[in-house]
PDB file of N, CA and C in Angstrom:
ATOM      1  N   MET A   1       2.290  16.027  -1.078  1.00  0.00           N
ATOM      2  CA  MET A   1       1.591  15.424  -0.040  1.00  0.00           C
ATOM      3  C   MET A   1       1.305  13.900  -0.472  1.00  0.00           C
ATOM      4  N   ASN A   2       1.432  13.062   0.568  1.00  0.00           N
ATOM      5  CA  ASN A   2       1.405  11.575   0.302  1.00  0.00           C
ATOM      6  C   ASN A   2       0.082  10.970   0.740  1.00  0.00           C
ATOM      7  N   PHE A   3      -0.490  10.124  -0.050  1.00  0.00           N
ATOM      8  CA  PHE A   3      -1.715   9.424   0.262  1.00  0.00           C
ATOM      9  C   PHE A   3      -1.555   7.968  -0.166  1.00  0.00           C
ATOM     10  N   PRO A   4      -0.936   7.084   0.697  1.00  0.00           N
ATOM     11  CA  PRO A   4      -0.753   5.697   0.314  1.00  0.00           C
ATOM     12  C   PRO A   4      -2.036   5.075  -0.011  1.00  0.00           C
ATOM     13  N   GLU A   5      -1.993   4.230  -1.057  1.00  0.00           N
ATOM     14  CA  GLU A   5      -3.267   3.545  -1.578  1.00  0.00           C
ATOM     15  C   GLU A   5      -3.601   2.324  -0.661  1.00  0.00           C
ATOM     16  N   ASN A   6      -2.669   1.782   0.080  1.00  0.00           N
ATOM     17  CA  ASN A   6      -2.951   0.633   0.938  1.00  0.00           C
ATOM     18  C   ASN A   6      -3.590   0.987   2.315  1.00  0.00           C
ATOM     19  N   LEU A   7      -3.919   2.272   2.486  1.00  0.00           N
ATOM     20  CA  LEU A   7      -4.480   2.650   3.789  1.00  0.00           C
ATOM     21  C   LEU A   7      -5.955   3.089   3.606  1.00  0.00           C
ATOM     22  N   LYS A   8      -6.662   3.082   4.744  1.00  0.00           N
ATOM     23  CA  LYS A   8      -7.984   3.589   4.870  1.00  0.00           C
ATOM     24  C   LYS A   8      -7.932   4.913   5.597  1.00  0.00           C
ATOM     25  N   TYR A   9      -8.798   5.830   5.341  1.00  0.00           N
ATOM     26  CA  TYR A   9      -8.757   7.188   5.930  1.00  0.00           C
ATOM     27  C   TYR A   9     -10.118   7.542   6.574  1.00  0.00           C
ATOM     28  N   SER A  10      -9.996   8.239   7.738  1.00  0.00           N
ATOM     29  CA  SER A  10     -11.159   8.653   8.432  1.00  0.00           C
ATOM     30  C   SER A  10     -11.446  10.166   8.119  1.00  0.00           C
ATOM     31  N   SER A  11     -12.680  10.643   8.351  1.00  0.00           N
ATOM     32  CA  SER A  11     -12.956  12.075   8.146  1.00  0.00           C
ATOM     33  C   SER A  11     -12.301  12.930   9.245  1.00  0.00           C
ATOM     34  N   ASP A  12     -11.750  12.294  10.273  1.00  0.00           N
ATOM     35  CA  ASP A  12     -11.013  12.952  11.336  1.00  0.00           C
ATOM     36  C   ASP A  12      -9.564  13.034  11.098  1.00  0.00           C
ATOM     37  N   HIS A  13      -9.119  12.501   9.908  1.00  0.00           N
ATOM     38  CA  HIS A  13      -7.745  12.621   9.478  1.00  0.00           C
ATOM     39  C   HIS A  13      -6.793  11.600  10.111  1.00  0.00           C
ATOM     40  N   GLU A  14      -7.395  10.474  10.496  1.00  0.00           N
ATOM     41  CA  GLU A  14      -6.529   9.290  10.940  1.00  0.00           C
ATOM     42  C   GLU A  14      -6.449   8.350   9.780  1.00  0.00           C
ATOM     43  N   TRP A  15      -5.401   7.639   9.699  1.00  0.00           N
ATOM     44  CA  TRP A  15      -5.257   6.510   8.687  1.00  0.00           C
ATOM     45  C   TRP A  15      -5.206   5.203   9.488  1.00  0.00           C
ATOM     46  N   VAL A  16      -5.569   4.108   8.674  1.00  0.00           N
ATOM     47  CA  VAL A  16      -5.598   2.769   9.266  1.00  0.00           C
ATOM     48  C   VAL A  16      -4.833   1.874   8.233  1.00  0.00           C
ATOM     49  N   ARG A  17      -3.822   1.078   8.730  1.00  0.00           N
ATOM     50  CA  ARG A  17      -3.181   0.058   7.921  1.00  0.00           C
ATOM     51  C   ARG A  17      -3.526  -1.238   8.504  1.00  0.00           C
ATOM     52  N   VAL A  18      -4.286  -2.100   7.815  1.00  0.00           N
ATOM     53  CA  VAL A  18      -4.815  -3.352   8.307  1.00  0.00           C
ATOM     54  C   VAL A  18      -3.706  -4.442   8.035  1.00  0.00           C
ATOM     55  N   GLU A  19      -3.370  -5.162   9.077  1.00  0.00           N
ATOM     56  CA  GLU A  19      -2.475  -6.314   8.976  1.00  0.00           C
ATOM     57  C   GLU A  19      -3.152  -7.517   9.748  1.00  0.00           C
ATOM     58  N   GLY A  20      -3.897  -8.335   8.961  1.00  0.00           N
ATOM     59  CA  GLY A  20      -4.662  -9.473   9.506  1.00  0.00           C
ATOM     60  C   GLY A  20      -5.845  -8.900  10.347  1.00  0.00           C
ATOM     61  N   ASN A  21      -5.952  -9.263  11.640  1.00  0.00           N
ATOM     62  CA  ASN A  21      -7.043  -8.700  12.442  1.00  0.00           C
ATOM     63  C   ASN A  21      -6.538  -7.603  13.345  1.00  0.00           C
ATOM     64  N   GLU A  22      -5.339  -7.042  13.008  1.00  0.00           N
ATOM     65  CA  GLU A  22      -4.825  -5.896  13.721  1.00  0.00           C
ATOM     66  C   GLU A  22      -4.649  -4.678  12.775  1.00  0.00           C
ATOM     67  N   ALA A  23      -4.493  -3.560  13.360  1.00  0.00           N
ATOM     68  CA  ALA A  23      -4.273  -2.406  12.518  1.00  0.00           C
ATOM     69  C   ALA A  23      -3.363  -1.408  13.170  1.00  0.00           C
ATOM     70  N   PHE A  24      -2.579  -0.679  12.348  1.00  0.00           N
ATOM     71  CA  PHE A  24      -1.776   0.435  12.820  1.00  0.00           C
ATOM     72  C   PHE A  24      -2.556   1.686  12.549  1.00  0.00           C
ATOM     73  N   ILE A  25      -2.525   2.675  13.393  1.00  0.00           N
ATOM     74  CA  ILE A  25      -3.302   3.924  13.242  1.00  0.00           C
ATOM     75  C   ILE A  25      -2.321   5.103  13.469  1.00  0.00           C
ATOM     76  N   GLY A  26      -2.552   6.103  12.609  1.00  0.00           N
ATOM     77  CA  GLY A  26      -1.753   7.368  12.810  1.00  0.00           C
ATOM     78  C   GLY A  26      -2.572   8.542  12.249  1.00  0.00           C
ATOM     79  N   ILE A  27      -1.863   9.626  12.153  1.00  0.00           N
ATOM     80  CA  ILE A  27      -2.561  10.790  11.468  1.00  0.00           C
ATOM     81  C   ILE A  27      -2.006  10.978  10.059  1.00  0.00           C
ATOM     82  N   THR A  28      -2.827  11.584   9.235  1.00  0.00           N
ATOM     83  CA  THR A  28      -2.408  11.680   7.798  1.00  0.00           C
ATOM     84  C   THR A  28      -1.374  12.761   7.577  1.00  0.00           C
ATOM     85  N   ASP A  29      -0.755  12.705   6.447  1.00  0.00           N
ATOM     86  CA  ASP A  29       0.241  13.780   6.049  1.00  0.00           C
ATOM     87  C   ASP A  29      -0.459  15.120   6.071  1.00  0.00           C
ATOM     88  N   PHE A  30      -1.694  15.190   5.567  1.00  0.00           N
ATOM     89  CA  PHE A  30      -2.461  16.420   5.600  1.00  0.00           C
ATOM     90  C   PHE A  30      -2.617  16.948   7.004  1.00  0.00           C
ATOM     91  N   ALA A  31      -2.968  16.096   7.963  1.00  0.00           N
ATOM     92  CA  ALA A  31      -3.222  16.477   9.348  1.00  0.00           C
ATOM     93  C   ALA A  31      -1.884  16.962   9.988  1.00  0.00           C
ATOM     94  N   GLN A  32      -0.812  16.312   9.790  1.00  0.00           N
ATOM     95  CA  GLN A  32       0.404  16.705  10.403  1.00  0.00           C
ATOM     96  C   GLN A  32       0.880  18.021   9.810  1.00  0.00           C
ATOM     97  N   GLU A  33       0.641  18.235   8.543  1.00  0.00           N
ATOM     98  CA  GLU A  33       0.975  19.527   7.929  1.00  0.00           C
ATOM     99  C   GLU A  33       0.110  20.752   8.494  1.00  0.00           C
ATOM    100  N   GLU A  34      -1.159  20.436   8.650  1.00  0.00           N
ATOM    101  CA  GLU A  34      -2.094  21.435   9.240  1.00  0.00           C
ATOM    102  C   GLU A  34      -1.710  21.804  10.690  1.00  0.00           C
ATOM    103  N   LEU A  35      -1.296  20.744  11.469  1.00  0.00           N
ATOM    104  CA  LEU A  35      -0.950  20.916  12.864  1.00  0.00           C
ATOM    105  C   LEU A  35       0.317  21.726  13.017  1.00  0.00           C
ATOM    106  N   GLY A  36       1.343  21.507  12.127  1.00  0.00           N
ATOM    107  CA  GLY A  36       2.612  22.068  12.276  1.00  0.00           C
ATOM    108  C   GLY A  36       3.540  21.209  13.080  1.00  0.00           C
ATOM    109  N   ASP A  37       4.600  21.803  13.632  1.00  0.00           N
ATOM    110  CA  ASP A  37       5.583  21.021  14.396  1.00  0.00           C
ATOM    111  C   ASP A  37       4.932  20.340  15.650  1.00  0.00           C
ATOM    112  N   ILE A  38       4.975  18.986  15.595  1.00  0.00           N
ATOM    113  CA  ILE A  38       4.420  18.152  16.695  1.00  0.00           C
ATOM    114  C   ILE A  38       5.500  18.007  17.776  1.00  0.00           C
ATOM    115  N   VAL A  39       5.047  18.407  19.027  1.00  0.00           N
ATOM    116  CA  VAL A  39       6.047  18.373  20.136  1.00  0.00           C
ATOM    117  C   VAL A  39       5.760  17.262  21.240  1.00  0.00           C
ATOM    118  N   PHE A  40       4.521  16.704  21.126  1.00  0.00           N
ATOM    119  CA  PHE A  40       4.194  15.665  22.125  1.00  0.00           C
ATOM    120  C   PHE A  40       2.941  14.899  21.659  1.00  0.00           C
ATOM    121  N   ILE A  41       3.037  13.539  21.882  1.00  0.00           N
ATOM    122  CA  ILE A  41       1.897  12.658  21.638  1.00  0.00           C
ATOM    123  C   ILE A  41       1.535  12.024  22.944  1.00  0.00           C
ATOM    124  N   ASP A  42       0.252  12.211  23.298  1.00  0.00           N
ATOM    125  CA  ASP A  42      -0.239  11.742  24.646  1.00  0.00           C
ATOM    126  C   ASP A  42      -1.275  10.631  24.365  1.00  0.00           C
ATOM    127  N   VAL A  43      -0.897   9.405  24.657  1.00  0.00           N
ATOM    128  CA  VAL A  43      -1.776   8.279  24.572  1.00  0.00           C
ATOM    129  C   VAL A  43      -1.718   7.480  25.844  1.00  0.00           C
ATOM    130  N   SER A  44      -2.758   7.322  26.578  1.00  0.00           N
ATOM    131  CA  SER A  44      -2.776   6.636  27.806  1.00  0.00           C
ATOM    132  C   SER A  44      -3.786   5.495  27.810  1.00  0.00           C
ATOM    133  N   THR A  45      -4.202   5.048  26.603  1.00  0.00           N
ATOM    134  CA  THR A  45      -5.305   4.054  26.440  1.00  0.00           C
ATOM    135  C   THR A  45      -4.831   2.676  26.220  1.00  0.00           C
ATOM    136  N   GLU A  46      -3.537   2.408  26.312  1.00  0.00           N
ATOM    137  CA  GLU A  46      -2.996   1.027  26.085  1.00  0.00           C
ATOM    138  C   GLU A  46      -3.810   0.051  26.924  1.00  0.00           C
ATOM    139  N   GLY A  47      -4.237  -1.069  26.350  1.00  0.00           N
ATOM    140  CA  GLY A  47      -4.960  -2.095  27.075  1.00  0.00           C
ATOM    141  C   GLY A  47      -6.495  -1.822  27.119  1.00  0.00           C
ATOM    142  N   GLU A  48      -6.951  -0.745  26.724  1.00  0.00           N
ATOM    143  CA  GLU A  48      -8.420  -0.367  26.738  1.00  0.00           C
ATOM    144  C   GLU A  48      -9.002  -0.757  25.392  1.00  0.00           C
ATOM    145  N   THR A  49     -10.324  -1.071  25.454  1.00  0.00           N
ATOM    146  CA  THR A  49     -11.092  -1.316  24.215  1.00  0.00           C
ATOM    147  C   THR A  49     -11.951  -0.086  24.001  1.00  0.00           C
ATOM    148  N   LEU A  50     -11.804   0.482  22.858  1.00  0.00           N
ATOM    149  CA  LEU A  50     -12.503   1.759  22.544  1.00  0.00           C
ATOM    150  C   LEU A  50     -13.361   1.578  21.349  1.00  0.00           C
ATOM    151  N   GLU A  51     -14.490   2.343  21.285  1.00  0.00           N
ATOM    152  CA  GLU A  51     -15.398   2.319  20.158  1.00  0.00           C
ATOM    153  C   GLU A  51     -14.883   3.289  19.089  1.00  0.00           C
ATOM    154  N   GLN A  52     -15.361   3.033  17.880  1.00  0.00           N
ATOM    155  CA  GLN A  52     -15.122   3.963  16.791  1.00  0.00           C
ATOM    156  C   GLN A  52     -15.578   5.326  17.139  1.00  0.00           C
ATOM    157  N   GLY A  53     -14.698   6.329  16.935  1.00  0.00           N
ATOM    158  CA  GLY A  53     -15.040   7.746  17.248  1.00  0.00           C
ATOM    159  C   GLY A  53     -14.596   8.185  18.625  1.00  0.00           C
ATOM    160  N   GLU A  54     -14.249   7.227  19.507  1.00  0.00           N
ATOM    161  CA  GLU A  54     -13.791   7.648  20.839  1.00  0.00           C
ATOM    162  C   GLU A  54     -12.400   8.191  20.828  1.00  0.00           C
ATOM    163  N   VAL A  55     -12.039   9.072  21.793  1.00  0.00           N
ATOM    164  CA  VAL A  55     -10.744   9.643  21.852  1.00  0.00           C
ATOM    165  C   VAL A  55      -9.751   8.555  22.395  1.00  0.00           C
ATOM    166  N   PHE A  56      -8.635   8.373  21.667  1.00  0.00           N
ATOM    167  CA  PHE A  56      -7.626   7.439  22.217  1.00  0.00           C
ATOM    168  C   PHE A  56      -6.374   8.196  22.663  1.00  0.00           C
ATOM    169  N   GLY A  57      -6.326   9.550  22.429  1.00  0.00           N
ATOM    170  CA  GLY A  57      -5.126  10.291  22.906  1.00  0.00           C
ATOM    171  C   GLY A  57      -5.236  11.700  22.273  1.00  0.00           C
ATOM    172  N   SER A  58      -4.047  12.382  22.329  1.00  0.00           N
ATOM    173  CA  SER A  58      -4.048  13.709  21.793  1.00  0.00           C
ATOM    174  C   SER A  58      -2.667  13.931  21.191  1.00  0.00           C
ATOM    175  N   VAL A  59      -2.581  14.864  20.298  1.00  0.00           N
ATOM    176  CA  VAL A  59      -1.324  15.293  19.629  1.00  0.00           C
ATOM    177  C   VAL A  59      -1.148  16.763  19.878  1.00  0.00           C
ATOM    178  N   GLU A  60      -0.047  17.131  20.470  1.00  0.00           N
ATOM    179  CA  GLU A  60       0.265  18.556  20.788  1.00  0.00           C
ATOM    180  C   GLU A  60       1.267  19.127  19.813  1.00  0.00           C
ATOM    181  N   ALA A  61       0.877  20.139  19.134  1.00  0.00           N
ATOM    182  CA  ALA A  61       1.798  20.842  18.237  1.00  0.00           C
ATOM    183  C   ALA A  61       2.102  22.196  18.876  1.00  0.00           C
ATOM    184  N   VAL A  62       3.018  22.942  18.252  1.00  0.00           N
ATOM    185  CA  VAL A  62       3.452  24.198  18.809  1.00  0.00           C
ATOM    186  C   VAL A  62       2.319  25.146  19.046  1.00  0.00           C
ATOM    187  N   LYS A  63       1.295  25.127  18.131  1.00  0.00           N
ATOM    188  CA  LYS A  63       0.218  26.067  18.176  1.00  0.00           C
ATOM    189  C   LYS A  63      -1.077  25.494  18.831  1.00  0.00           C
ATOM    190  N   THR A  64      -1.197  24.199  18.875  1.00  0.00           N
ATOM    191  CA  THR A  64      -2.573  23.670  19.281  1.00  0.00           C
ATOM    192  C   THR A  64      -2.486  22.281  19.828  1.00  0.00           C
ATOM    193  N   VAL A  65      -3.552  21.801  20.404  1.00  0.00           N
ATOM    194  CA  VAL A  65      -3.671  20.379  20.856  1.00  0.00           C
ATOM    195  C   VAL A  65      -4.906  19.792  20.145  1.00  0.00           C
ATOM    196  N   SER A  66      -4.774  18.616  19.634  1.00  0.00           N
ATOM    197  CA  SER A  66      -5.917  17.952  18.930  1.00  0.00           C
ATOM    198  C   SER A  66      -6.148  16.621  19.415  1.00  0.00           C
ATOM    199  N   ASP A  67      -7.408  16.245  19.579  1.00  0.00           N
ATOM    200  CA  ASP A  67      -7.763  14.845  19.991  1.00  0.00           C
ATOM    201  C   ASP A  67      -7.470  13.917  18.863  1.00  0.00           C
ATOM    202  N   LEU A  68      -7.134  12.649  19.238  1.00  0.00           N
ATOM    203  CA  LEU A  68      -6.964  11.562  18.278  1.00  0.00           C
ATOM    204  C   LEU A  68      -8.144  10.701  18.471  1.00  0.00           C
ATOM    205  N   LEU A  69      -8.926  10.327  17.374  1.00  0.00           N
ATOM    206  CA  LEU A  69     -10.082   9.565  17.457  1.00  0.00           C
ATOM    207  C   LEU A  69      -9.986   8.230  16.750  1.00  0.00           C
ATOM    208  N   MET A  70     -10.509   7.186  17.376  1.00  0.00           N
ATOM    209  CA  MET A  70     -10.416   5.829  16.882  1.00  0.00           C
ATOM    210  C   MET A  70     -11.206   5.753  15.572  1.00  0.00           C
ATOM    211  N   PRO A  71     -10.538   5.387  14.462  1.00  0.00           N
ATOM    212  CA  PRO A  71     -11.241   5.183  13.191  1.00  0.00           C
ATOM    213  C   PRO A  71     -11.966   3.865  13.118  1.00  0.00           C
ATOM    214  N   VAL A  72     -11.567   2.885  13.968  1.00  0.00           N
ATOM    215  CA  VAL A  72     -12.310   1.593  14.082  1.00  0.00           C
ATOM    216  C   VAL A  72     -12.306   1.206  15.586  1.00  0.00           C
ATOM    217  N   SER A  73     -13.303   0.384  15.967  1.00  0.00           N
ATOM    218  CA  SER A  73     -13.351  -0.049  17.334  1.00  0.00           C
ATOM    219  C   SER A  73     -12.286  -1.151  17.546  1.00  0.00           C
ATOM    220  N   GLY A  74     -11.692  -1.102  18.720  1.00  0.00           N
ATOM    221  CA  GLY A  74     -10.675  -2.127  19.006  1.00  0.00           C
ATOM    222  C   GLY A  74      -9.956  -1.928  20.308  1.00  0.00           C
ATOM    223  N   GLU A  75      -9.159  -2.920  20.662  1.00  0.00           N
ATOM    224  CA  GLU A  75      -8.331  -2.764  21.903  1.00  0.00           C
ATOM    225  C   GLU A  75      -6.944  -2.228  21.508  1.00  0.00           C
ATOM    226  N   VAL A  76      -6.501  -1.233  22.245  1.00  0.00           N
ATOM    227  CA  VAL A  76      -5.200  -0.620  22.010  1.00  0.00           C
ATOM    228  C   VAL A  76      -4.134  -1.593  22.508  1.00  0.00           C
ATOM    229  N   LEU A  77      -3.373  -2.236  21.625  1.00  0.00           N
ATOM    230  CA  LEU A  77      -2.413  -3.216  21.968  1.00  0.00           C
ATOM    231  C   LEU A  77      -1.062  -2.602  22.279  1.00  0.00           C
ATOM    232  N   GLU A  78      -0.716  -1.495  21.589  1.00  0.00           N
ATOM    233  CA  GLU A  78       0.619  -0.965  21.673  1.00  0.00           C
ATOM    234  C   GLU A  78       0.630   0.527  21.294  1.00  0.00           C
ATOM    235  N   ILE A  79       1.423   1.286  21.973  1.00  0.00           N
ATOM    236  CA  ILE A  79       1.666   2.651  21.620  1.00  0.00           C
ATOM    237  C   ILE A  79       3.081   2.744  21.071  1.00  0.00           C
ATOM    238  N   ASN A  80       3.291   3.418  19.989  1.00  0.00           N
ATOM    239  CA  ASN A  80       4.590   3.541  19.398  1.00  0.00           C
ATOM    240  C   ASN A  80       5.568   4.121  20.409  1.00  0.00           C
ATOM    241  N   PRO A  81       6.490   3.305  20.901  1.00  0.00           N
ATOM    242  CA  PRO A  81       7.438   3.836  21.915  1.00  0.00           C
ATOM    243  C   PRO A  81       8.416   4.852  21.459  1.00  0.00           C
ATOM    244  N   GLU A  82       8.673   4.866  20.071  1.00  0.00           N
ATOM    245  CA  GLU A  82       9.609   5.876  19.599  1.00  0.00           C
ATOM    246  C   GLU A  82       9.114   7.288  19.695  1.00  0.00           C
ATOM    247  N   LEU A  83       7.840   7.473  19.795  1.00  0.00           N
ATOM    248  CA  LEU A  83       7.274   8.810  19.848  1.00  0.00           C
ATOM    249  C   LEU A  83       7.490   9.543  21.117  1.00  0.00           C
ATOM    250  N   ASP A  84       7.843   8.783  22.218  1.00  0.00           N
ATOM    251  CA  ASP A  84       8.125   9.439  23.518  1.00  0.00           C
ATOM    252  C   ASP A  84       9.296  10.417  23.326  1.00  0.00           C
ATOM    253  N   ASP A  85      10.357   9.926  22.685  1.00  0.00           N
ATOM    254  CA  ASP A  85      11.554  10.760  22.518  1.00  0.00           C
ATOM    255  C   ASP A  85      11.571  11.508  21.250  1.00  0.00           C
ATOM    256  N   ALA A  86      10.766  11.134  20.273  1.00  0.00           N
ATOM    257  CA  ALA A  86      10.823  11.761  18.966  1.00  0.00           C
ATOM    258  C   ALA A  86       9.390  11.945  18.373  1.00  0.00           C
ATOM    259  N   PRO A  87       8.552  12.793  19.002  1.00  0.00           N
ATOM    260  CA  PRO A  87       7.229  12.946  18.431  1.00  0.00           C
ATOM    261  C   PRO A  87       7.280  13.579  17.026  1.00  0.00           C
ATOM    262  N   GLU A  88       8.401  14.221  16.669  1.00  0.00           N
ATOM    263  CA  GLU A  88       8.485  14.836  15.310  1.00  0.00           C
ATOM    264  C   GLU A  88       8.460  13.750  14.256  1.00  0.00           C
ATOM    265  N   MET A  89       8.625  12.516  14.545  1.00  0.00           N
ATOM    266  CA  MET A  89       8.525  11.439  13.509  1.00  0.00           C
ATOM    267  C   MET A  89       7.129  11.450  12.867  1.00  0.00           C
ATOM    268  N   VAL A  90       6.125  11.934  13.574  1.00  0.00           N
ATOM    269  CA  VAL A  90       4.807  11.990  12.976  1.00  0.00           C
ATOM    270  C   VAL A  90       4.852  13.042  11.853  1.00  0.00           C
ATOM    271  N   ASN A  91       5.594  14.036  11.976  1.00  0.00           N
ATOM    272  CA  ASN A  91       5.768  15.063  10.929  1.00  0.00           C
ATOM    273  C   ASN A  91       6.653  14.506   9.781  1.00  0.00           C
ATOM    274  N   GLN A  92       7.724  13.803  10.162  1.00  0.00           N
ATOM    275  CA  GLN A  92       8.682  13.414   9.135  1.00  0.00           C
ATOM    276  C   GLN A  92       8.224  12.227   8.349  1.00  0.00           C
ATOM    277  N   ASP A  93       7.512  11.247   9.020  1.00  0.00           N
ATOM    278  CA  ASP A  93       7.152  10.028   8.353  1.00  0.00           C
ATOM    279  C   ASP A  93       5.827   9.527   8.915  1.00  0.00           C
ATOM    280  N   PRO A  94       4.712  10.183   8.632  1.00  0.00           N
ATOM    281  CA  PRO A  94       3.479   9.914   9.282  1.00  0.00           C
ATOM    282  C   PRO A  94       2.902   8.519   9.026  1.00  0.00           C
ATOM    283  N   TYR A  95       3.283   7.846   7.927  1.00  0.00           N
ATOM    284  CA  TYR A  95       2.675   6.591   7.594  1.00  0.00           C
ATOM    285  C   TYR A  95       3.579   5.320   7.932  1.00  0.00           C
ATOM    286  N   GLU A  96       4.801   5.566   8.314  1.00  0.00           N
ATOM    287  CA  GLU A  96       5.645   4.442   8.633  1.00  0.00           C
ATOM    288  C   GLU A  96       6.091   4.548  10.063  1.00  0.00           C
ATOM    289  N   LYS A  97       7.208   5.296  10.237  1.00  0.00           N
ATOM    290  CA  LYS A  97       7.786   5.378  11.583  1.00  0.00           C
ATOM    291  C   LYS A  97       6.931   6.189  12.610  1.00  0.00           C
ATOM    292  N   GLY A  98       6.081   7.070  12.028  1.00  0.00           N
ATOM    293  CA  GLY A  98       5.261   7.904  12.815  1.00  0.00           C
ATOM    294  C   GLY A  98       3.798   7.313  13.184  1.00  0.00           C
ATOM    295  N   TRP A  99       3.692   5.989  13.029  1.00  0.00           N
ATOM    296  CA  TRP A  99       2.385   5.363  13.525  1.00  0.00           C
ATOM    297  C   TRP A  99       2.205   5.677  15.015  1.00  0.00           C
ATOM    298  N   ILE A 100       0.945   5.756  15.459  1.00  0.00           N
ATOM    299  CA  ILE A 100       0.713   6.162  16.877  1.00  0.00           C
ATOM    300  C   ILE A 100       0.322   4.943  17.736  1.00  0.00           C
ATOM    301  N   ILE A 101      -0.647   4.136  17.300  1.00  0.00           N
ATOM    302  CA  ILE A 101      -1.133   2.991  18.064  1.00  0.00           C
ATOM    303  C   ILE A 101      -1.292   1.787  17.131  1.00  0.00           C
ATOM    304  N   LYS A 102      -1.299   0.562  17.805  1.00  0.00           N
ATOM    305  CA  LYS A 102      -1.629  -0.668  17.141  1.00  0.00           C
ATOM    306  C   LYS A 102      -2.821  -1.242  17.893  1.00  0.00           C
ATOM    307  N   VAL A 103      -3.816  -1.676  17.178  1.00  0.00           N
ATOM    308  CA  VAL A 103      -5.046  -2.157  17.840  1.00  0.00           C
ATOM    309  C   VAL A 103      -5.525  -3.467  17.156  1.00  0.00           C
ATOM    310  N   THR A 104      -6.336  -4.169  17.937  1.00  0.00           N
ATOM    311  CA  THR A 104      -7.087  -5.291  17.377  1.00  0.00           C
ATOM    312  C   THR A 104      -8.275  -4.692  16.679  1.00  0.00           C
ATOM    313  N   ILE A 105      -8.741  -5.278  15.598  1.00  0.00           N
ATOM    314  CA  ILE A 105      -9.951  -4.780  14.939  1.00  0.00           C
ATOM    315  C   ILE A 105     -11.178  -5.614  15.460  1.00  0.00           C
ATOM    316  N   GLU A 106     -11.979  -4.957  16.215  1.00  0.00           N
ATOM    317  CA  GLU A 106     -13.173  -5.632  16.859  1.00  0.00           C
ATOM    318  C   GLU A 106     -14.350  -5.706  15.885  1.00  0.00           C
ATOM    319  N   LYS A 107     -14.528  -4.715  14.929  1.00  0.00           N
ATOM    320  CA  LYS A 107     -15.623  -4.719  14.100  1.00  0.00           C
ATOM    321  C   LYS A 107     -15.149  -4.438  12.674  1.00  0.00           C
ATOM    322  N   PRO A 108     -14.685  -5.485  11.956  1.00  0.00           N
ATOM    323  CA  PRO A 108     -14.121  -5.300  10.612  1.00  0.00           C
ATOM    324  C   PRO A 108     -15.045  -4.545   9.656  1.00  0.00           C
ATOM    325  N   GLU A 109     -16.331  -4.687   9.815  1.00  0.00           N
ATOM    326  CA  GLU A 109     -17.224  -4.027   8.942  1.00  0.00           C
ATOM    327  C   GLU A 109     -17.094  -2.492   9.003  1.00  0.00           C
ATOM    328  N   GLU A 110     -16.537  -1.901  10.064  1.00  0.00           N
ATOM    329  CA  GLU A 110     -16.307  -0.501  10.175  1.00  0.00           C
ATOM    330  C   GLU A 110     -15.327   0.020   9.128  1.00  0.00           C
ATOM    331  N   LEU A 111     -14.451  -0.818   8.679  1.00  0.00           N
ATOM    332  CA  LEU A 111     -13.450  -0.533   7.679  1.00  0.00           C
ATOM    333  C   LEU A 111     -14.082  -0.075   6.387  1.00  0.00           C
ATOM    334  N   ASP A 112     -15.344  -0.600   6.076  1.00  0.00           N
ATOM    335  CA  ASP A 112     -16.045  -0.336   4.854  1.00  0.00           C
ATOM    336  C   ASP A 112     -16.537   1.137   4.897  1.00  0.00           C
ATOM    337  N   GLY A 113     -16.624   1.733   6.021  1.00  0.00           N
ATOM    338  CA  GLY A 113     -17.123   3.115   6.146  1.00  0.00           C
ATOM    339  C   GLY A 113     -16.035   4.154   6.042  1.00  0.00           C
ATOM    340  N   LEU A 114     -14.724   3.636   5.920  1.00  0.00           N
ATOM    341  CA  LEU A 114     -13.597   4.566   5.815  1.00  0.00           C
ATOM    342  C   LEU A 114     -13.312   4.873   4.350  1.00  0.00           C
ATOM    343  N   MET A 115     -12.542   5.935   4.169  1.00  0.00           N
ATOM    344  CA  MET A 115     -12.297   6.363   2.770  1.00  0.00           C
ATOM    345  C   MET A 115     -11.037   5.740   2.130  1.00  0.00           C
ATOM    346  N   SER A 116     -11.078   5.559   0.828  1.00  0.00           N
ATOM    347  CA  SER A 116      -9.878   5.186   0.051  1.00  0.00           C
ATOM    348  C   SER A 116      -8.972   6.411  -0.042  1.00  0.00           C
ATOM    349  N   ALA A 117      -7.771   6.226  -0.551  1.00  0.00           N
ATOM    350  CA  ALA A 117      -6.898   7.336  -0.791  1.00  0.00           C
ATOM    351  C   ALA A 117      -7.529   8.388  -1.718  1.00  0.00           C
ATOM    352  N   ALA A 118      -8.137   7.959  -2.760  1.00  0.00           N
ATOM    353  CA  ALA A 118      -8.795   8.852  -3.668  1.00  0.00           C
ATOM    354  C   ALA A 118      -9.895   9.623  -3.066  1.00  0.00           C
ATOM    355  N   ASP A 119     -10.727   8.943  -2.231  1.00  0.00           N
ATOM    356  CA  ASP A 119     -11.882   9.590  -1.570  1.00  0.00           C
ATOM    357  C   ASP A 119     -11.334  10.574  -0.553  1.00  0.00           C
ATOM    358  N   TYR A 120     -10.261  10.270   0.125  1.00  0.00           N
ATOM    359  CA  TYR A 120      -9.692  11.199   1.148  1.00  0.00           C
ATOM    360  C   TYR A 120      -9.115  12.425   0.487  1.00  0.00           C
ATOM    361  N   LYS A 121      -8.440  12.265  -0.639  1.00  0.00           N
ATOM    362  CA  LYS A 121      -7.948  13.388  -1.367  1.00  0.00           C
ATOM    363  C   LYS A 121      -9.038  14.335  -1.789  1.00  0.00           C
ATOM    364  N   SER A 122     -10.120  13.755  -2.277  1.00  0.00           N
ATOM    365  CA  SER A 122     -11.275  14.609  -2.635  1.00  0.00           C
ATOM    366  C   SER A 122     -11.884  15.253  -1.429  1.00  0.00           C
ATOM    367  N   PHE A 123     -11.954  14.547  -0.278  1.00  0.00           N
ATOM    368  CA  PHE A 123     -12.535  15.052   0.947  1.00  0.00           C
ATOM    369  C   PHE A 123     -11.783  16.317   1.398  1.00  0.00           C
ATOM    370  N   ILE A 124     -10.414  16.299   1.269  1.00  0.00           N
ATOM    371  CA  ILE A 124      -9.623  17.452   1.745  1.00  0.00           C
ATOM    372  C   ILE A 124      -9.413  18.514   0.615  1.00  0.00           C
ATOM    373  N   GLY A 125      -9.885  18.203  -0.519  1.00  0.00           N
ATOM    374  CA  GLY A 125      -9.826  19.155  -1.647  1.00  0.00           C
ATOM    375  C   GLY A 125      -8.478  19.176  -2.339  1.00  0.00           C
ATOM    376  N   LYS A 126      -7.836  18.022  -2.378  1.00  0.00           N
ATOM    377  CA  LYS A 126      -6.512  17.957  -3.023  1.00  0.00           C
ATOM    378  C   LYS A 126      -6.546  17.265  -4.388  1.00  0.00           C
TER     379      LYS A 126
END
């Protein structure tokens, strides 16, 4: 299982990769493994500004549907267009090709409340 050091992690199993005042967000390797084969990503919040903890979409796997929660407040700038035709990229490459949304970071201080890779590994018991 992979836990990149350059990311921040939420207790809801989303990751954040900060690039300037923007961030890419997806689900962790642990989350995709727990969900199983992902068959659909539903995000209809492009252009909306959401608060930390709000639902920005959902991920549908063969066995379940799970909400996706904003790890930081921000405006949803872009949804990964590749996931429409290939939602399984979240299973195959959750941290690079399988990113889900790109956002502006409205409250940078919220990043301080997220976990490091080591903290997240401890959180999930790995």
